[in-house]
C-alpha cells in the first residue's frame, strides 16, 4: 500500500471519529444516553434526577438533538397527566457497548486515581 492510500484511509478514519464527536459532544449527551441505556425507558424527570447539574431547559434541548440524530425515541403516553418516555432507537442501541465500556473504564480509572 502506498503512502497516498494510507493517508486517505487515515483521513477517512479521522473524519468518522469527528462525525461521532459532533453527534455525541457536549457535557450532557453521554450522560443522557447512559441514563436511558441503563434503564431501557426513562421519563424526563428520571433523566433529570440521574444527572447532577443539568437544567430542565438543557435536558430538553439535548433530548431534541439526540432525537434528531435518531439515537432516542420520544413516546407520549395517554396518561393523566401526560407522560413522556424516552428510549434508545435501534441505531442508539449500537452505542450500548461503548457506554458500558466507558462505565467500566470510569470505574477502573477512579480506582487508579483515588482508590475508591
Protein backbone atom coordinates (compact mmCIF):
# COMPACT_ATOMS: atom_id res chain seq x y z
CA UNK A 1 0.00 0.00 0.00
CA UNK A 2 1.45 3.36 -0.95
CA UNK A 3 1.56 6.42 1.32
CA UNK A 4 -1.28 8.13 -0.55
CA UNK A 5 -3.74 5.33 0.28
CA UNK A 6 -2.59 5.20 3.90
CA UNK A 7 -3.07 8.96 4.23
CA UNK A 8 -6.50 8.78 2.57
CA UNK A 9 -7.61 5.93 4.87
CA UNK A 10 -6.36 7.82 7.91
CA UNK A 11 -8.29 10.93 6.83
CA UNK A 12 -11.43 8.83 6.41
CA UNK A 13 -11.00 7.31 9.89
CA UNK A 14 -10.38 10.71 11.46
CA UNK A 15 -13.47 12.12 9.71
CA UNK A 16 -15.54 9.24 11.14
CA UNK A 17 -14.26 9.98 14.66
CA UNK A 18 -15.04 13.68 14.20
CA UNK A 19 -18.56 12.86 12.95
CA UNK A 20 -19.11 10.75 16.06
CA UNK A 21 -17.81 13.50 18.32
CA UNK A 22 -20.06 16.06 16.63
CA UNK A 23 -23.12 13.96 17.45
CA UNK A 24 -22.06 13.00 20.99
CA UNK A 25 -20.17 16.11 22.07
CA UNK A 26 -21.09 18.36 24.92
CA UNK A 27 -21.28 17.97 28.65
CA UNK A 28 -24.56 16.05 28.80
CA UNK A 29 -25.23 13.75 25.82
CA UNK A 30 -23.30 10.70 27.01
CA UNK A 31 -24.86 11.01 30.47
CA UNK A 32 -28.35 11.25 28.97
CA UNK A 33 -27.75 8.24 26.72
CA UNK A 34 -26.34 6.32 29.70
CA UNK A 35 -29.40 7.05 31.83
CA UNK A 36 -31.68 5.75 29.11
CA UNK A 37 -29.39 2.83 28.23
CA UNK A 38 -29.07 1.50 31.79
CA UNK A 39 -32.83 1.66 32.44
CA UNK A 40 -34.26 0.96 28.96
CA UNK A 41 -37.07 3.55 29.17
CA UNK A 42 -36.86 6.78 31.16
CA UNK A 43 -39.16 9.69 31.82
CA UNK A 44 -37.89 13.26 31.62
CA UNK A 45 -37.94 13.59 35.41
CA UNK A 46 -35.98 10.32 35.82
CA UNK A 47 -33.23 11.53 33.50
CA UNK A 48 -33.20 14.90 35.24
CA UNK A 49 -32.75 13.16 38.62
CA UNK A 50 -29.95 10.93 37.25
CA UNK A 51 -27.79 13.81 36.00
CA UNK A 52 -26.46 16.23 38.59
CA UNK A 53 -26.34 19.84 37.44
CA UNK A 54 -28.40 19.68 34.25
CA UNK A 55 -31.27 22.13 33.93
CA UNK A 56 -34.74 21.39 32.54
CA UNK A 57 -34.05 23.63 29.56
CA UNK A 58 -30.70 21.99 28.74
CA UNK A 59 -32.11 18.47 29.12
CA UNK A 60 -34.97 19.36 26.79
CA UNK A 61 -32.55 20.81 24.21
CA UNK A 62 -30.21 17.81 24.35
CA UNK A 63 -33.07 15.31 24.11
CA UNK A 64 -34.31 17.06 20.97
CA UNK A 65 -30.84 16.87 19.41
CA UNK A 66 -30.49 13.19 20.27
CA UNK A 67 -33.93 12.56 18.76
CA UNK A 68 -32.95 14.46 15.58
CA UNK A 69 -29.88 12.24 15.31
CA UNK A 70 -32.15 9.18 15.65
CA UNK A 71 -30.44 7.96 18.81
CA UNK A 72 -33.52 8.17 21.02
CA UNK A 73 -37.24 7.84 20.53
CA UNK A 74 -39.77 10.00 22.35
CA UNK A 75 -43.15 8.44 23.15
CA UNK A 76 -46.09 10.39 24.56
CA UNK A 77 -48.34 8.17 26.66
CA UNK A 78 -52.05 8.90 27.03
CA UNK A 79 -51.98 9.16 30.81
CA UNK A 80 -53.30 11.87 33.10
CA UNK A 81 -51.13 13.90 33.34
CA UNK A 82 -49.41 13.09 30.06
CA UNK A 83 -46.25 11.00 30.44
CA UNK A 84 -43.34 11.20 28.01
CA UNK A 85 -40.88 8.30 27.82
CA UNK A 86 -37.53 8.13 26.10
CA UNK A 87 -35.78 5.02 24.87
CA UNK A 88 -32.85 4.24 22.62
CA UNK A 89 -33.65 3.57 18.99
CA UNK A 90 -32.14 0.56 17.27
CA UNK A 91 -29.45 2.93 15.99
CA UNK A 92 -28.97 4.30 19.53
CA UNK A 93 -28.63 0.78 20.90
CA UNK A 94 -25.48 0.44 18.78
CA UNK A 95 -23.86 2.77 21.36
CA UNK A 96 -24.61 0.44 24.29
CA UNK A 97 -21.25 -1.36 24.10
CA UNK A 98 -19.44 1.97 24.03
CA UNK A 99 -21.42 3.26 27.03
CA UNK A 100 -20.76 0.08 29.02
CA UNK A 101 -17.05 0.27 28.13
CA UNK A 102 -16.96 3.91 29.27
CA UNK A 103 -18.62 2.93 32.56
CA UNK A 104 -16.15 0.10 33.11
CA UNK A 105 -13.19 2.34 32.26
CA UNK A 106 -14.54 5.06 34.59
CA UNK A 107 -14.70 2.58 37.48
CA UNK A 108 -11.13 1.42 36.82
CA UNK A 109 -9.89 4.98 36.39
CA UNK A 110 -11.47 6.07 39.68
CA UNK A 111 -9.72 3.15 41.41
CA UNK A 112 -6.42 4.09 39.75
CA UNK A 113 -6.64 7.74 40.77
CA UNK A 114 -8.30 7.73 44.19
CA UNK A 115 -8.63 4.07 45.12
CA UNK A 116 -12.44 4.13 45.51
